[in-house]
Amino acid sequence: MKEKDFVSLKDWSADELNEVLDQARAIKKDPAKYSRRLEGMALAMILEKPSLRTRVTFDVGIHQLGGYSLALTRAEINLGGREAVRDVAKNLERMVQGIMIRTFSHENVRELAEQANIPVINGLTDFSHPCQSMADFMTIIETKKDLRAVKVAYIGDGNNVAHSLIYGAARFGVHLAVATPVGYEPDASVLKWAQEHASATGCRL
């Protein structure tokens, strides 16, 4: 049975997201305990956009957990161009145990997750950046302990990072203020979804 994909924070419940953060803190506290957790497992990293932090953290992370990774660039795949998304999914699911993808089209990541019978992790798209936001929320927990006890201010354009922070704030109950230049606001669908779900967690946006 396929494990859950990590495409968007809105796909996960608050309990599930908190479980991920709890697990991350446990691994950080005692990495040796988890050094063979992914032994023998391979992660395909599809990198259609240039990457420093995303590539290094995933590459080092899976190695520290006992697995290994391989990087596939846009020149090698050209997802949705030379290689159909479904074909990439069906080929990779026979050879690796997971896929991390950093690309442009959010819809391609959605399709990849739907077609692949292995977990797919969104390493960044033009619409969202869930791993970055989870790292941000983990940092807040490590310094402030309680996510609901802080107010987060985001200043910049309403981009992929802003979208993921908004989704996460609504899930975790974080008070979030977003300031953007006129014409660079977050996507209206993201704000609508967050407003609809914020009341359940006490979030104020």
N, C-alpha and C. Protein backbone atom coordinates (compact mmCIF):
# COMPACT_ATOMS: atom_id res chain seq x y z
N MET A 1 0.84 -1.20 0.00
CA MET A 1 0.00 0.00 0.00
C MET A 1 0.88 1.25 0.00
N LYS A 2 0.49 2.22 -0.79
CA LYS A 2 1.28 3.43 -0.92
C LYS A 2 1.19 4.30 0.32
N GLU A 3 2.36 4.81 0.77
CA GLU A 3 2.35 5.77 1.87
C GLU A 3 1.87 7.12 1.34
N LYS A 4 1.60 8.04 2.23
CA LYS A 4 1.01 9.31 1.82
C LYS A 4 2.02 10.23 1.14
N ASP A 5 1.56 10.89 0.07
CA ASP A 5 2.38 11.88 -0.61
C ASP A 5 2.45 13.16 0.22
N PHE A 6 3.50 13.96 -0.01
CA PHE A 6 3.62 15.26 0.64
C PHE A 6 3.70 16.31 -0.45
N VAL A 7 2.54 16.69 -0.95
CA VAL A 7 2.45 17.64 -2.05
C VAL A 7 2.07 19.02 -1.55
N SER A 8 1.16 19.08 -0.59
CA SER A 8 0.71 20.36 -0.04
C SER A 8 0.34 20.18 1.42
N LEU A 9 0.57 21.20 2.23
CA LEU A 9 0.20 21.13 3.64
C LEU A 9 -1.30 20.99 3.83
N LYS A 10 -2.08 21.47 2.88
CA LYS A 10 -3.53 21.38 3.04
C LYS A 10 -4.02 19.94 2.89
N ASP A 11 -3.19 19.05 2.36
CA ASP A 11 -3.57 17.65 2.20
C ASP A 11 -3.45 16.87 3.51
N TRP A 12 -2.80 17.44 4.50
CA TRP A 12 -2.53 16.75 5.76
C TRP A 12 -3.28 17.43 6.90
N SER A 13 -3.70 16.62 7.86
CA SER A 13 -4.38 17.17 9.04
C SER A 13 -3.34 17.75 9.99
N ALA A 14 -3.82 18.52 10.96
CA ALA A 14 -2.92 19.09 11.97
C ALA A 14 -2.21 17.99 12.75
N ASP A 15 -2.94 16.92 13.09
CA ASP A 15 -2.33 15.81 13.83
C ASP A 15 -1.21 15.16 13.02
N GLU A 16 -1.45 14.97 11.73
CA GLU A 16 -0.43 14.35 10.88
C GLU A 16 0.79 15.24 10.75
N LEU A 17 0.58 16.53 10.59
CA LEU A 17 1.71 17.46 10.47
C LEU A 17 2.49 17.54 11.77
N ASN A 18 1.79 17.54 12.89
CA ASN A 18 2.48 17.55 14.18
C ASN A 18 3.28 16.27 14.39
N GLU A 19 2.76 15.16 13.89
CA GLU A 19 3.49 13.89 14.00
C GLU A 19 4.79 13.95 13.20
N VAL A 20 4.74 14.58 12.02
CA VAL A 20 5.95 14.75 11.21
C VAL A 20 6.98 15.60 11.96
N LEU A 21 6.53 16.69 12.56
CA LEU A 21 7.45 17.56 13.30
C LEU A 21 8.01 16.86 14.54
N ASP A 22 7.18 16.09 15.22
CA ASP A 22 7.65 15.32 16.38
C ASP A 22 8.73 14.33 15.96
N GLN A 23 8.50 13.65 14.83
CA GLN A 23 9.47 12.68 14.33
C GLN A 23 10.77 13.37 13.93
N ALA A 24 10.65 14.54 13.31
CA ALA A 24 11.85 15.28 12.90
C ALA A 24 12.68 15.68 14.11
N ARG A 25 12.02 16.12 15.17
CA ARG A 25 12.75 16.51 16.37
C ARG A 25 13.39 15.31 17.04
N ALA A 26 12.72 14.17 17.00
CA ALA A 26 13.28 12.95 17.58
C ALA A 26 14.54 12.52 16.83
N ILE A 27 14.49 12.60 15.51
CA ILE A 27 15.66 12.23 14.70
C ILE A 27 16.81 13.20 14.96
N LYS A 28 16.50 14.47 15.05
CA LYS A 28 17.53 15.49 15.30
C LYS A 28 18.18 15.28 16.67
N LYS A 29 17.40 14.86 17.65
CA LYS A 29 17.91 14.67 19.00
C LYS A 29 18.81 13.44 19.10
N ASP A 30 18.47 12.38 18.38
CA ASP A 30 19.24 11.13 18.47
C ASP A 30 19.38 10.51 17.09
N PRO A 31 20.19 11.13 16.20
CA PRO A 31 20.29 10.65 14.82
C PRO A 31 20.80 9.22 14.70
N ALA A 32 21.66 8.80 15.61
CA ALA A 32 22.21 7.45 15.52
C ALA A 32 21.12 6.38 15.63
N LYS A 33 20.09 6.67 16.38
CA LYS A 33 18.99 5.73 16.56
C LYS A 33 18.27 5.44 15.24
N TYR A 34 18.32 6.39 14.32
CA TYR A 34 17.58 6.27 13.06
C TYR A 34 18.51 6.07 11.86
N SER A 35 19.77 5.76 12.11
CA SER A 35 20.76 5.74 11.04
C SER A 35 20.56 4.61 10.03
N ARG A 36 19.70 3.65 10.36
CA ARG A 36 19.43 2.57 9.41
C ARG A 36 17.95 2.48 9.06
N ARG A 37 17.20 3.50 9.39
CA ARG A 37 15.75 3.49 9.17
C ARG A 37 15.39 3.31 7.69
N LEU A 38 16.18 3.90 6.79
CA LEU A 38 15.89 3.80 5.35
C LEU A 38 16.95 2.96 4.63
N GLU A 39 17.54 2.03 5.35
CA GLU A 39 18.60 1.21 4.77
C GLU A 39 18.11 0.48 3.52
N GLY A 40 18.90 0.58 2.46
CA GLY A 40 18.57 -0.11 1.22
C GLY A 40 17.53 0.59 0.37
N MET A 41 17.05 1.75 0.79
CA MET A 41 16.02 2.47 0.04
C MET A 41 16.63 3.60 -0.78
N ALA A 42 16.04 3.83 -1.95
CA ALA A 42 16.55 4.85 -2.86
C ALA A 42 15.52 5.95 -3.07
N LEU A 43 15.99 7.19 -3.12
CA LEU A 43 15.15 8.35 -3.39
C LEU A 43 15.57 8.97 -4.71
N ALA A 44 14.65 9.06 -5.67
CA ALA A 44 14.92 9.77 -6.92
C ALA A 44 14.61 11.25 -6.71
N MET A 45 15.57 12.11 -7.01
CA MET A 45 15.37 13.55 -6.86
C MET A 45 15.29 14.18 -8.26
N ILE A 46 14.08 14.56 -8.65
CA ILE A 46 13.88 15.22 -9.94
C ILE A 46 14.09 16.71 -9.73
N LEU A 47 15.13 17.25 -10.33
CA LEU A 47 15.51 18.65 -10.09
C LEU A 47 15.43 19.42 -11.40
N GLU A 48 14.24 19.91 -11.70
CA GLU A 48 14.05 20.69 -12.93
C GLU A 48 14.37 22.16 -12.70
N LYS A 49 14.51 22.57 -11.45
CA LYS A 49 14.95 23.93 -11.12
C LYS A 49 16.27 23.84 -10.37
N PRO A 50 17.14 24.82 -10.53
CA PRO A 50 18.41 24.81 -9.79
C PRO A 50 18.15 24.72 -8.29
N SER A 51 19.05 24.04 -7.59
CA SER A 51 18.81 23.84 -6.16
C SER A 51 20.13 23.77 -5.40
N LEU A 52 20.17 24.43 -4.27
CA LEU A 52 21.28 24.30 -3.33
C LEU A 52 20.78 23.62 -2.06
N ARG A 53 19.97 24.34 -1.28
CA ARG A 53 19.52 23.83 0.02
C ARG A 53 18.64 22.59 -0.10
N THR A 54 17.70 22.62 -1.05
CA THR A 54 16.79 21.47 -1.18
C THR A 54 17.56 20.21 -1.55
N ARG A 55 18.43 20.32 -2.53
CA ARG A 55 19.17 19.13 -2.94
C ARG A 55 20.08 18.63 -1.83
N VAL A 56 20.83 19.52 -1.22
CA VAL A 56 21.78 19.09 -0.20
C VAL A 56 21.07 18.48 1.00
N THR A 57 19.98 19.11 1.46
CA THR A 57 19.30 18.58 2.65
C THR A 57 18.68 17.22 2.39
N PHE A 58 18.07 17.03 1.22
CA PHE A 58 17.49 15.72 0.91
C PHE A 58 18.58 14.69 0.70
N ASP A 59 19.63 15.05 0.00
CA ASP A 59 20.72 14.13 -0.28
C ASP A 59 21.39 13.68 1.01
N VAL A 60 21.77 14.64 1.84
CA VAL A 60 22.43 14.31 3.10
C VAL A 60 21.46 13.59 4.04
N GLY A 61 20.22 14.05 4.08
CA GLY A 61 19.24 13.47 4.99
C GLY A 61 19.01 11.99 4.75
N ILE A 62 18.80 11.60 3.49
CA ILE A 62 18.52 10.19 3.24
C ILE A 62 19.76 9.33 3.48
N HIS A 63 20.95 9.89 3.22
CA HIS A 63 22.17 9.15 3.52
C HIS A 63 22.31 8.94 5.03
N GLN A 64 21.99 9.95 5.82
CA GLN A 64 22.09 9.82 7.27
C GLN A 64 21.07 8.83 7.84
N LEU A 65 20.03 8.55 7.07
CA LEU A 65 19.03 7.57 7.49
C LEU A 65 19.28 6.20 6.90
N GLY A 66 20.40 6.04 6.21
CA GLY A 66 20.79 4.73 5.70
C GLY A 66 20.44 4.47 4.25
N GLY A 67 19.76 5.40 3.60
CA GLY A 67 19.39 5.22 2.21
C GLY A 67 20.35 5.94 1.28
N TYR A 68 19.95 6.06 0.03
CA TYR A 68 20.78 6.78 -0.94
C TYR A 68 19.89 7.47 -1.95
N SER A 69 20.47 8.42 -2.67
CA SER A 69 19.68 9.23 -3.60
C SER A 69 20.35 9.29 -4.96
N LEU A 70 19.56 9.64 -5.96
CA LEU A 70 20.10 9.91 -7.28
C LEU A 70 19.38 11.12 -7.86
N ALA A 71 20.14 12.03 -8.46
CA ALA A 71 19.58 13.27 -8.98
C ALA A 71 19.32 13.14 -10.47
N LEU A 72 18.13 13.59 -10.89
CA LEU A 72 17.73 13.58 -12.29
C LEU A 72 17.39 15.00 -12.69
N THR A 73 18.07 15.54 -13.69
CA THR A 73 17.88 16.93 -14.08
C THR A 73 16.84 17.06 -15.19
N ARG A 74 16.49 18.30 -15.47
CA ARG A 74 15.53 18.59 -16.54
C ARG A 74 16.03 18.07 -17.89
N ALA A 75 17.34 18.14 -18.11
CA ALA A 75 17.90 17.66 -19.37
C ALA A 75 17.71 16.16 -19.53
N GLU A 76 17.66 15.46 -18.41
CA GLU A 76 17.53 14.00 -18.47
C GLU A 76 16.08 13.54 -18.57
N ILE A 77 15.15 14.35 -18.06
CA ILE A 77 13.75 13.92 -18.03
C ILE A 77 12.85 14.81 -18.88
N ASN A 78 12.89 16.12 -18.64
CA ASN A 78 11.96 17.06 -19.28
C ASN A 78 10.53 16.58 -19.05
N LEU A 79 10.15 16.59 -17.78
CA LEU A 79 8.86 16.06 -17.35
C LEU A 79 7.70 16.70 -18.10
N GLY A 80 6.85 15.87 -18.69
CA GLY A 80 5.72 16.37 -19.44
C GLY A 80 6.07 16.75 -20.86
N GLY A 81 7.37 16.70 -21.21
CA GLY A 81 7.83 17.00 -22.56
C GLY A 81 8.31 15.72 -23.21
N ARG A 82 9.63 15.49 -23.12
CA ARG A 82 10.18 14.26 -23.68
C ARG A 82 9.62 13.03 -22.99
N GLU A 83 9.39 13.14 -21.70
CA GLU A 83 8.84 12.03 -20.91
C GLU A 83 7.49 12.43 -20.34
N ALA A 84 6.45 11.68 -20.64
CA ALA A 84 5.14 11.93 -20.06
C ALA A 84 5.20 11.71 -18.55
N VAL A 85 4.43 12.47 -17.80
CA VAL A 85 4.45 12.37 -16.34
C VAL A 85 4.13 10.94 -15.91
N ARG A 86 3.13 10.33 -16.53
CA ARG A 86 2.74 8.97 -16.16
C ARG A 86 3.88 7.99 -16.42
N ASP A 87 4.58 8.14 -17.53
CA ASP A 87 5.69 7.24 -17.85
C ASP A 87 6.81 7.37 -16.83
N VAL A 88 7.11 8.59 -16.43
CA VAL A 88 8.14 8.80 -15.40
C VAL A 88 7.73 8.12 -14.10
N ALA A 89 6.47 8.30 -13.71
CA ALA A 89 5.97 7.71 -12.47
C ALA A 89 6.07 6.19 -12.50
N LYS A 90 5.62 5.58 -13.59
CA LYS A 90 5.58 4.13 -13.67
C LYS A 90 6.97 3.51 -13.77
N ASN A 91 7.90 4.22 -14.40
CA ASN A 91 9.27 3.72 -14.45
C ASN A 91 9.95 3.82 -13.10
N LEU A 92 9.84 4.98 -12.48
CA LEU A 92 10.54 5.18 -11.21
C LEU A 92 10.00 4.30 -10.10
N GLU A 93 8.68 4.05 -10.09
CA GLU A 93 8.12 3.25 -9.00
C GLU A 93 8.65 1.82 -8.99
N ARG A 94 9.23 1.38 -10.10
CA ARG A 94 9.80 0.03 -10.17
C ARG A 94 11.25 -0.01 -9.71
N MET A 95 11.86 1.18 -9.55
CA MET A 95 13.30 1.21 -9.28
C MET A 95 13.69 1.89 -7.97
N VAL A 96 12.83 2.78 -7.47
CA VAL A 96 13.15 3.51 -6.24
C VAL A 96 11.97 3.42 -5.28
N GLN A 97 12.22 3.86 -4.05
CA GLN A 97 11.17 3.78 -3.03
C GLN A 97 10.48 5.12 -2.76
N GLY A 98 10.97 6.18 -3.37
CA GLY A 98 10.34 7.49 -3.18
C GLY A 98 10.86 8.48 -4.21
N ILE A 99 10.08 9.56 -4.41
CA ILE A 99 10.45 10.60 -5.36
C ILE A 99 10.35 11.96 -4.68
N MET A 100 11.39 12.76 -4.79
CA MET A 100 11.31 14.18 -4.43
C MET A 100 11.43 14.96 -5.72
N ILE A 101 10.54 15.91 -5.93
CA ILE A 101 10.56 16.68 -7.16
C ILE A 101 10.57 18.17 -6.88
N ARG A 102 11.48 18.87 -7.54
CA ARG A 102 11.58 20.33 -7.47
C ARG A 102 11.41 20.84 -8.90
N THR A 103 10.29 21.48 -9.17
CA THR A 103 9.95 21.79 -10.55
C THR A 103 9.14 23.07 -10.64
N PHE A 104 8.62 23.34 -11.81
CA PHE A 104 7.83 24.54 -12.05
C PHE A 104 6.34 24.28 -11.84
N SER A 105 5.80 23.31 -12.56
CA SER A 105 4.36 23.08 -12.59
C SER A 105 3.86 22.29 -11.39
N HIS A 106 2.98 22.91 -10.61
CA HIS A 106 2.37 22.21 -9.49
C HIS A 106 1.49 21.07 -9.98
N GLU A 107 0.85 21.27 -11.11
CA GLU A 107 -0.03 20.22 -11.65
C GLU A 107 0.77 18.98 -12.04
N ASN A 108 1.98 19.15 -12.52
CA ASN A 108 2.82 17.99 -12.83
C ASN A 108 3.13 17.18 -11.57
N VAL A 109 3.34 17.86 -10.46
CA VAL A 109 3.60 17.16 -9.20
C VAL A 109 2.35 16.41 -8.74
N ARG A 110 1.21 17.05 -8.86
CA ARG A 110 -0.05 16.39 -8.52
C ARG A 110 -0.24 15.12 -9.36
N GLU A 111 -0.01 15.25 -10.65
CA GLU A 111 -0.18 14.10 -11.54
C GLU A 111 0.83 13.00 -11.22
N LEU A 112 2.07 13.40 -10.95
CA LEU A 112 3.10 12.43 -10.59
C LEU A 112 2.69 11.65 -9.35
N ALA A 113 2.16 12.36 -8.36
CA ALA A 113 1.71 11.71 -7.12
C ALA A 113 0.54 10.77 -7.37
N GLU A 114 -0.35 11.16 -8.25
CA GLU A 114 -1.51 10.32 -8.56
C GLU A 114 -1.10 9.06 -9.31
N GLN A 115 -0.10 9.17 -10.16
CA GLN A 115 0.29 8.05 -11.02
C GLN A 115 1.28 7.10 -10.36
N ALA A 116 2.14 7.61 -9.50
CA ALA A 116 3.20 6.79 -8.90
C ALA A 116 2.67 6.00 -7.71
N ASN A 117 3.07 4.76 -7.61
CA ASN A 117 2.66 3.93 -6.49
C ASN A 117 3.71 3.94 -5.38
N ILE A 118 4.44 5.04 -5.28
CA ILE A 118 5.41 5.28 -4.22
C ILE A 118 5.22 6.72 -3.75
N PRO A 119 5.69 7.07 -2.55
CA PRO A 119 5.50 8.43 -2.05
C PRO A 119 6.20 9.49 -2.91
N VAL A 120 5.52 10.61 -3.10
CA VAL A 120 6.07 11.74 -3.84
C VAL A 120 6.12 12.95 -2.90
N ILE A 121 7.27 13.59 -2.83
CA ILE A 121 7.48 14.76 -1.97
C ILE A 121 7.69 15.99 -2.85
N ASN A 122 6.95 17.03 -2.56
CA ASN A 122 7.09 18.30 -3.27
C ASN A 122 8.26 19.08 -2.70
N GLY A 123 9.35 19.18 -3.47
CA GLY A 123 10.52 19.94 -3.05
C GLY A 123 10.45 21.39 -3.46
N LEU A 124 9.44 21.76 -4.20
CA LEU A 124 9.13 23.14 -4.60
C LEU A 124 8.42 23.11 -5.94
N THR A 125 7.36 23.92 -6.04
CA THR A 125 6.73 24.19 -7.34
C THR A 125 6.49 25.69 -7.42
N ASP A 126 5.94 26.12 -8.55
CA ASP A 126 5.62 27.53 -8.68
C ASP A 126 4.47 27.95 -7.77
N PHE A 127 3.79 26.97 -7.14
CA PHE A 127 2.63 27.28 -6.31
C PHE A 127 2.85 27.04 -4.82
N SER A 128 3.70 26.09 -4.47
CA SER A 128 3.88 25.81 -3.04
C SER A 128 5.28 25.28 -2.73
N HIS A 129 5.65 25.39 -1.46
CA HIS A 129 6.96 24.93 -0.98
C HIS A 129 6.76 24.37 0.44
N PRO A 130 6.08 23.23 0.55
CA PRO A 130 5.70 22.72 1.88
C PRO A 130 6.87 22.35 2.78
N CYS A 131 7.95 21.83 2.22
CA CYS A 131 9.08 21.44 3.06
C CYS A 131 9.73 22.65 3.72
N GLN A 132 9.83 23.75 2.98
CA GLN A 132 10.37 24.98 3.55
C GLN A 132 9.52 25.46 4.71
N SER A 133 8.21 25.44 4.53
CA SER A 133 7.32 25.92 5.59
C SER A 133 7.36 25.01 6.81
N MET A 134 7.47 23.70 6.59
CA MET A 134 7.58 22.80 7.74
C MET A 134 8.86 23.06 8.51
N ALA A 135 9.95 23.37 7.79
CA ALA A 135 11.20 23.73 8.47
C ALA A 135 11.03 25.01 9.27
N ASP A 136 10.28 25.96 8.71
CA ASP A 136 10.02 27.21 9.44
C ASP A 136 9.23 26.95 10.71
N PHE A 137 8.18 26.13 10.61
CA PHE A 137 7.36 25.84 11.78
C PHE A 137 8.15 25.06 12.83
N MET A 138 9.04 24.18 12.39
CA MET A 138 9.87 23.44 13.34
C MET A 138 10.80 24.40 14.09
N THR A 139 11.36 25.37 13.38
CA THR A 139 12.23 26.35 14.03
C THR A 139 11.47 27.15 15.08
N ILE A 140 10.23 27.51 14.77
CA ILE A 140 9.41 28.25 15.74
C ILE A 140 9.16 27.40 16.98
N ILE A 141 8.84 26.13 16.78
CA ILE A 141 8.60 25.23 17.91
C ILE A 141 9.85 25.11 18.77
N GLU A 142 11.00 24.99 18.14
CA GLU A 142 12.25 24.83 18.88
C GLU A 142 12.60 26.06 19.70
N THR A 143 12.14 27.21 19.27
CA THR A 143 12.48 28.45 19.98
C THR A 143 11.35 28.97 20.86
N LYS A 144 10.12 28.74 20.44
CA LYS A 144 8.96 29.28 21.16
C LYS A 144 8.07 28.21 21.78
N LYS A 145 8.28 26.95 21.42
CA LYS A 145 7.57 25.79 21.97
C LYS A 145 6.14 25.64 21.46
N ASP A 146 5.36 26.69 21.51
CA ASP A 146 3.94 26.59 21.17
C ASP A 146 3.63 27.45 19.94
N LEU A 147 3.25 26.79 18.85
CA LEU A 147 2.96 27.52 17.62
C LEU A 147 1.81 28.51 17.78
N ARG A 148 0.86 28.17 18.63
CA ARG A 148 -0.31 29.03 18.79
C ARG A 148 -0.02 30.26 19.65
N ALA A 149 1.15 30.28 20.24
CA ALA A 149 1.50 31.40 21.13
C ALA A 149 2.25 32.50 20.41
N VAL A 150 2.46 32.34 19.11
CA VAL A 150 3.23 33.34 18.37
C VAL A 150 2.41 33.92 17.23
N LYS A 151 2.83 35.08 16.78
CA LYS A 151 2.26 35.67 15.57
C LYS A 151 3.39 35.79 14.56
N VAL A 152 3.17 35.25 13.39
CA VAL A 152 4.19 35.25 12.34
C VAL A 152 3.86 36.32 11.31
N ALA A 153 4.85 37.09 10.93
CA ALA A 153 4.69 38.11 9.89
C ALA A 153 5.48 37.69 8.66
N TYR A 154 4.82 37.70 7.52
CA TYR A 154 5.49 37.40 6.25
C TYR A 154 5.44 38.65 5.38
N ILE A 155 6.60 39.10 4.93
CA ILE A 155 6.68 40.29 4.08
C ILE A 155 7.36 39.90 2.77
N GLY A 156 6.68 40.12 1.67
CA GLY A 156 7.24 39.76 0.37
C GLY A 156 6.12 39.55 -0.63
N ASP A 157 6.43 38.91 -1.75
CA ASP A 157 5.35 38.65 -2.70
C ASP A 157 4.61 37.38 -2.30
N GLY A 158 3.36 37.27 -2.74
CA GLY A 158 2.54 36.12 -2.37
C GLY A 158 2.89 34.90 -3.20
N ASN A 159 4.05 34.35 -2.95
CA ASN A 159 4.58 33.27 -3.79
C ASN A 159 4.33 31.89 -3.19
N ASN A 160 5.10 30.91 -3.66
CA ASN A 160 4.94 29.54 -3.19
C ASN A 160 5.17 29.40 -1.69
N VAL A 161 6.17 30.09 -1.17
CA VAL A 161 6.44 30.02 0.27
C VAL A 161 5.28 30.62 1.06
N ALA A 162 4.78 31.75 0.61
CA ALA A 162 3.63 32.38 1.27
C ALA A 162 2.43 31.45 1.28
N HIS A 163 2.16 30.79 0.16
CA HIS A 163 1.03 29.88 0.08
C HIS A 163 1.15 28.75 1.11
N SER A 164 2.34 28.16 1.21
CA SER A 164 2.53 27.06 2.16
C SER A 164 2.46 27.54 3.61
N LEU A 165 2.97 28.73 3.88
CA LEU A 165 2.85 29.28 5.24
C LEU A 165 1.39 29.51 5.60
N ILE A 166 0.60 29.98 4.65
CA ILE A 166 -0.82 30.22 4.90
C ILE A 166 -1.54 28.90 5.16
N TYR A 167 -1.29 27.90 4.34
CA TYR A 167 -1.89 26.58 4.57
C TYR A 167 -1.49 26.05 5.95
N GLY A 168 -0.21 26.15 6.27
CA GLY A 168 0.27 25.64 7.55
C GLY A 168 -0.29 26.39 8.73
N ALA A 169 -0.39 27.71 8.60
CA ALA A 169 -0.95 28.51 9.69
C ALA A 169 -2.38 28.10 9.99
N ALA A 170 -3.16 27.87 8.95
CA ALA A 170 -4.54 27.45 9.14
C ALA A 170 -4.62 26.08 9.80
N ARG A 171 -3.71 25.19 9.45
CA ARG A 171 -3.70 23.84 10.04
C ARG A 171 -3.22 23.86 11.50
N PHE A 172 -2.16 24.61 11.77
CA PHE A 172 -1.55 24.60 13.11
C PHE A 172 -2.20 25.57 14.08
N GLY A 173 -2.98 26.51 13.58
CA GLY A 173 -3.55 27.52 14.46
C GLY A 173 -2.62 28.68 14.73
N VAL A 174 -1.71 28.94 13.80
CA VAL A 174 -0.75 30.03 13.94
C VAL A 174 -1.40 31.34 13.49
N HIS A 175 -1.17 32.41 14.22
CA HIS A 175 -1.62 33.74 13.79
C HIS A 175 -0.61 34.25 12.76
N LEU A 176 -1.09 34.56 11.57
CA LEU A 176 -0.20 34.93 10.47
C LEU A 176 -0.65 36.23 9.81
N ALA A 177 0.29 37.16 9.66
CA ALA A 177 0.03 38.40 8.93
C ALA A 177 0.90 38.40 7.68
N VAL A 178 0.28 38.63 6.54
CA VAL A 178 0.99 38.63 5.26
C VAL A 178 0.92 40.02 4.64
N ALA A 179 2.07 40.61 4.34
CA ALA A 179 2.12 41.93 3.71
C ALA A 179 2.82 41.80 2.36
N THR A 180 2.11 42.16 1.30
CA THR A 180 2.68 42.07 -0.04
C THR A 180 2.47 43.37 -0.81
N PRO A 181 3.28 43.63 -1.82
CA PRO A 181 3.01 44.79 -2.68
C PRO A 181 1.68 44.60 -3.42
N VAL A 182 1.07 45.69 -3.79
CA VAL A 182 -0.17 45.62 -4.56
C VAL A 182 0.09 44.89 -5.88
N GLY A 183 -0.76 43.94 -6.17
CA GLY A 183 -0.59 43.17 -7.40
C GLY A 183 0.21 41.90 -7.21
N TYR A 184 0.74 41.69 -6.01
CA TYR A 184 1.54 40.49 -5.73
C TYR A 184 0.95 39.70 -4.56
N GLU A 185 -0.35 39.76 -4.40
CA GLU A 185 -1.02 39.09 -3.30
C GLU A 185 -1.00 37.56 -3.49
N PRO A 186 -1.17 36.81 -2.41
CA PRO A 186 -1.30 35.35 -2.53
C PRO A 186 -2.50 34.99 -3.39
N ASP A 187 -2.48 33.80 -3.93
CA ASP A 187 -3.58 33.32 -4.76
C ASP A 187 -4.88 33.34 -3.96
N ALA A 188 -5.94 33.81 -4.59
CA ALA A 188 -7.23 33.94 -3.90
C ALA A 188 -7.75 32.61 -3.39
N SER A 189 -7.48 31.52 -4.12
CA SER A 189 -7.97 30.21 -3.69
C SER A 189 -7.30 29.76 -2.40
N VAL A 190 -6.03 30.16 -2.21
CA VAL A 190 -5.31 29.81 -0.98
C VAL A 190 -5.92 30.55 0.20
N LEU A 191 -6.17 31.83 0.03
CA LEU A 191 -6.77 32.63 1.11
C LEU A 191 -8.16 32.13 1.45
N LYS A 192 -8.93 31.78 0.45
CA LYS A 192 -10.30 31.28 0.68
C LYS A 192 -10.27 29.99 1.47
N TRP A 193 -9.39 29.06 1.07
CA TRP A 193 -9.29 27.78 1.78
C TRP A 193 -8.86 28.01 3.23
N ALA A 194 -7.87 28.87 3.42
CA ALA A 194 -7.35 29.12 4.77
C ALA A 194 -8.41 29.74 5.66
N GLN A 195 -9.17 30.68 5.14
CA GLN A 195 -10.23 31.31 5.93
C GLN A 195 -11.29 30.29 6.32
N GLU A 196 -11.58 29.37 5.43
CA GLU A 196 -12.59 28.34 5.71
C GLU A 196 -12.14 27.36 6.79
N HIS A 197 -10.84 27.15 6.90
CA HIS A 197 -10.32 26.16 7.85
C HIS A 197 -9.72 26.78 9.11
N ALA A 198 -9.51 28.08 9.10
CA ALA A 198 -8.85 28.74 10.23
C ALA A 198 -9.66 28.68 11.51
N SER A 199 -10.97 28.76 11.41
CA SER A 199 -11.80 28.79 12.61
C SER A 199 -11.68 27.52 13.44
N ALA A 200 -11.38 26.41 12.78
CA ALA A 200 -11.28 25.13 13.49
C ALA A 200 -10.07 25.08 14.41
N THR A 201 -9.04 25.88 14.11
CA THR A 201 -7.82 25.85 14.91
C THR A 201 -7.57 27.14 15.68
N GLY A 202 -8.44 28.13 15.49
CA GLY A 202 -8.25 29.40 16.16
C GLY A 202 -7.27 30.31 15.47
N CYS A 203 -6.92 29.97 14.24
CA CYS A 203 -5.97 30.78 13.47
C CYS A 203 -6.59 32.11 13.08
N ARG A 204 -5.79 33.17 13.09
CA ARG A 204 -6.21 34.46 12.56
C ARG A 204 -5.29 34.84 11.41
N LEU A 205 -5.89 35.13 10.28
CA LEU A 205 -5.11 35.49 9.09
C LEU A 205 -5.38 36.94 8.73
